[in-house]
Amino acid sequence: MNDAEVREEGFFENKSKELEVKVKELQYDLAELQKTNSELLERCKKLGSRQPNWPRGYRPQRYTQKNASR
């Protein structure tokens, strides 16, 4: 092996290690995001399925064509 081949092999070995570290970082970030996503999904389901709590005396009205002609 001459010097150029050794340098080229070292270059690609270093590049490979850098990419492996980057993949590990991205896998960790993905795991955190998936955990956060599942927690938020549970909260959304809980909030979306509960009965609305209107203020006292407030009566929500639906917009209909009958009300629009006034």
N, C-alpha and C. Protein backbone atom coordinates (compact mmCIF):
# COMPACT_ATOMS: atom_id res chain seq x y z
N MET A 1 0.85 -1.19 0.00
CA MET A 1 0.00 0.00 0.00
C MET A 1 0.88 1.23 0.00
N ASN A 2 0.53 2.12 -0.85
CA ASN A 2 1.30 3.36 -0.84
C ASN A 2 0.60 4.40 0.03
N ASP A 3 1.20 5.53 0.16
CA ASP A 3 0.72 6.58 1.06
C ASP A 3 -0.67 7.09 0.65
N ALA A 4 -0.93 7.20 -0.63
CA ALA A 4 -2.22 7.71 -1.12
C ALA A 4 -3.35 6.76 -0.75
N GLU A 5 -3.10 5.46 -0.86
CA GLU A 5 -4.14 4.48 -0.52
C GLU A 5 -4.43 4.50 0.98
N VAL A 6 -3.42 4.64 1.79
CA VAL A 6 -3.60 4.70 3.24
C VAL A 6 -4.39 5.94 3.62
N ARG A 7 -4.04 7.06 3.02
CA ARG A 7 -4.76 8.32 3.31
C ARG A 7 -6.21 8.23 2.89
N GLU A 8 -6.44 7.63 1.72
CA GLU A 8 -7.82 7.51 1.22
C GLU A 8 -8.63 6.59 2.13
N GLU A 9 -8.03 5.48 2.54
CA GLU A 9 -8.71 4.55 3.44
C GLU A 9 -9.03 5.22 4.78
N GLY A 10 -8.08 5.97 5.32
CA GLY A 10 -8.29 6.70 6.58
C GLY A 10 -9.38 7.74 6.44
N PHE A 11 -9.41 8.41 5.30
CA PHE A 11 -10.43 9.42 5.06
C PHE A 11 -11.82 8.80 5.10
N PHE A 12 -12.00 7.69 4.38
CA PHE A 12 -13.32 7.06 4.32
C PHE A 12 -13.69 6.41 5.65
N GLU A 13 -12.70 5.91 6.38
CA GLU A 13 -12.98 5.34 7.70
C GLU A 13 -13.48 6.44 8.65
N ASN A 14 -12.83 7.59 8.61
CA ASN A 14 -13.25 8.72 9.45
C ASN A 14 -14.63 9.20 9.04
N LYS A 15 -14.88 9.29 7.74
CA LYS A 15 -16.18 9.73 7.26
C LYS A 15 -17.27 8.76 7.72
N SER A 16 -16.98 7.46 7.68
CA SER A 16 -17.92 6.44 8.11
C SER A 16 -18.25 6.60 9.60
N LYS A 17 -17.24 6.84 10.42
CA LYS A 17 -17.47 7.03 11.86
C LYS A 17 -18.30 8.27 12.13
N GLU A 18 -18.04 9.35 11.40
CA GLU A 18 -18.81 10.58 11.56
C GLU A 18 -20.28 10.34 11.22
N LEU A 19 -20.52 9.60 10.14
CA LEU A 19 -21.90 9.32 9.73
C LEU A 19 -22.61 8.41 10.74
N GLU A 20 -21.88 7.46 11.32
CA GLU A 20 -22.48 6.61 12.34
C GLU A 20 -22.89 7.42 13.56
N VAL A 21 -22.05 8.38 13.97
CA VAL A 21 -22.38 9.25 15.10
C VAL A 21 -23.62 10.08 14.76
N LYS A 22 -23.67 10.59 13.55
CA LYS A 22 -24.82 11.40 13.12
C LYS A 22 -26.11 10.58 13.13
N VAL A 23 -26.03 9.33 12.68
CA VAL A 23 -27.20 8.45 12.67
C VAL A 23 -27.67 8.20 14.10
N LYS A 24 -26.75 7.97 15.02
CA LYS A 24 -27.13 7.75 16.42
C LYS A 24 -27.82 8.98 17.00
N GLU A 25 -27.31 10.18 16.69
CA GLU A 25 -27.94 11.41 17.18
C GLU A 25 -29.36 11.55 16.62
N LEU A 26 -29.52 11.26 15.34
CA LEU A 26 -30.83 11.37 14.72
C LEU A 26 -31.81 10.33 15.27
N GLN A 27 -31.32 9.14 15.57
CA GLN A 27 -32.18 8.12 16.17
C GLN A 27 -32.65 8.56 17.54
N TYR A 28 -31.77 9.19 18.31
CA TYR A 28 -32.15 9.68 19.64
C TYR A 28 -33.19 10.79 19.51
N ASP A 29 -32.97 11.72 18.58
CA ASP A 29 -33.94 12.80 18.36
C ASP A 29 -35.29 12.24 17.94
N LEU A 30 -35.27 11.24 17.08
CA LEU A 30 -36.51 10.63 16.62
C LEU A 30 -37.26 9.97 17.78
N ALA A 31 -36.54 9.29 18.65
CA ALA A 31 -37.18 8.66 19.81
C ALA A 31 -37.83 9.70 20.72
N GLU A 32 -37.15 10.81 20.93
CA GLU A 32 -37.73 11.88 21.76
C GLU A 32 -38.99 12.44 21.12
N LEU A 33 -38.94 12.67 19.80
CA LEU A 33 -40.11 13.22 19.11
C LEU A 33 -41.28 12.24 19.12
N GLN A 34 -41.00 10.96 18.98
CA GLN A 34 -42.08 9.98 19.02
C GLN A 34 -42.73 9.94 20.40
N LYS A 35 -41.92 10.05 21.45
CA LYS A 35 -42.46 10.05 22.81
C LYS A 35 -43.34 11.28 23.03
N THR A 36 -42.83 12.44 22.62
CA THR A 36 -43.61 13.68 22.76
C THR A 36 -44.90 13.61 21.95
N ASN A 37 -44.80 13.06 20.74
CA ASN A 37 -45.97 12.94 19.89
C ASN A 37 -47.03 12.06 20.54
N SER A 38 -46.63 10.95 21.14
CA SER A 38 -47.62 10.06 21.77
C SER A 38 -48.26 10.74 22.97
N GLU A 39 -47.48 11.50 23.73
CA GLU A 39 -48.05 12.23 24.88
C GLU A 39 -49.06 13.27 24.41
N LEU A 40 -48.71 14.02 23.36
CA LEU A 40 -49.63 15.03 22.86
C LEU A 40 -50.87 14.41 22.23
N LEU A 41 -50.73 13.25 21.61
CA LEU A 41 -51.87 12.56 21.03
C LEU A 41 -52.86 12.17 22.11
N GLU A 42 -52.36 11.67 23.24
CA GLU A 42 -53.23 11.32 24.36
C GLU A 42 -53.97 12.55 24.88
N ARG A 43 -53.25 13.67 25.00
CA ARG A 43 -53.89 14.90 25.49
C ARG A 43 -54.96 15.39 24.53
N CYS A 44 -54.68 15.31 23.23
CA CYS A 44 -55.67 15.75 22.23
C CYS A 44 -56.91 14.88 22.28
N LYS A 45 -56.73 13.57 22.42
CA LYS A 45 -57.89 12.68 22.51
C LYS A 45 -58.73 13.00 23.74
N LYS A 46 -58.04 13.24 24.86
CA LYS A 46 -58.74 13.55 26.10
C LYS A 46 -59.52 14.87 25.98
N LEU A 47 -58.86 15.90 25.46
CA LEU A 47 -59.51 17.20 25.34
C LEU A 47 -60.60 17.19 24.27
N GLY A 48 -60.40 16.43 23.21
CA GLY A 48 -61.38 16.39 22.13
C GLY A 48 -62.63 15.62 22.46
N SER A 49 -62.56 14.73 23.43
CA SER A 49 -63.71 13.90 23.75
C SER A 49 -64.51 14.39 24.96
N ARG A 50 -64.04 15.41 25.64
CA ARG A 50 -64.77 15.85 26.82
C ARG A 50 -65.90 16.82 26.46
N GLN A 51 -66.87 16.89 27.33
CA GLN A 51 -68.01 17.79 27.16
C GLN A 51 -67.55 19.23 27.39
N PRO A 52 -67.94 20.17 26.52
CA PRO A 52 -67.52 21.55 26.74
C PRO A 52 -68.13 22.13 28.01
N ASN A 53 -67.39 22.96 28.68
CA ASN A 53 -67.84 23.57 29.92
C ASN A 53 -68.11 25.04 29.62
N TRP A 54 -69.37 25.37 29.33
CA TRP A 54 -69.74 26.74 28.97
C TRP A 54 -69.87 27.59 30.23
N PRO A 55 -69.62 28.89 30.12
CA PRO A 55 -69.83 29.78 31.27
C PRO A 55 -71.31 29.83 31.65
N ARG A 56 -71.59 30.16 32.88
CA ARG A 56 -72.96 30.19 33.37
C ARG A 56 -73.78 31.22 32.59
N GLY A 57 -74.94 30.80 32.12
CA GLY A 57 -75.83 31.69 31.39
C GLY A 57 -75.54 31.78 29.90
N TYR A 58 -74.49 31.16 29.41
CA TYR A 58 -74.15 31.22 27.99
C TYR A 58 -74.85 30.10 27.26
N ARG A 59 -75.57 30.45 26.20
CA ARG A 59 -76.25 29.45 25.39
C ARG A 59 -75.78 29.57 23.95
N PRO A 60 -74.92 28.66 23.50
CA PRO A 60 -74.44 28.74 22.12
C PRO A 60 -75.58 28.49 21.13
N GLN A 61 -75.61 29.27 20.06
CA GLN A 61 -76.66 29.12 19.05
C GLN A 61 -76.01 28.75 17.73
N ARG A 62 -76.69 27.89 17.02
CA ARG A 62 -76.19 27.49 15.71
C ARG A 62 -76.67 28.48 14.67
N TYR A 63 -75.85 28.70 13.67
CA TYR A 63 -76.18 29.61 12.57
C TYR A 63 -77.01 28.82 11.56
N THR A 64 -78.24 29.25 11.37
CA THR A 64 -79.11 28.57 10.38
C THR A 64 -79.63 29.60 9.40
N GLN A 65 -80.25 29.16 8.35
CA GLN A 65 -80.82 30.05 7.34
C GLN A 65 -81.96 30.87 7.93
N LYS A 66 -82.70 30.32 8.87
CA LYS A 66 -83.80 31.01 9.52
C LYS A 66 -83.29 32.25 10.27
N ASN A 67 -82.17 32.11 10.94
CA ASN A 67 -81.57 33.23 11.68
C ASN A 67 -80.94 34.25 10.73
N ALA A 68 -80.53 33.84 9.55
CA ALA A 68 -79.85 34.74 8.62
C ALA A 68 -80.82 35.71 7.94
N SER A 69 -82.11 35.37 7.87
CA SER A 69 -83.06 36.23 7.17
C SER A 69 -83.49 37.43 8.01
N ARG A 70 -83.14 37.50 9.23
CA ARG A 70 -83.54 38.63 10.09
C ARG A 70 -82.83 39.88 9.77
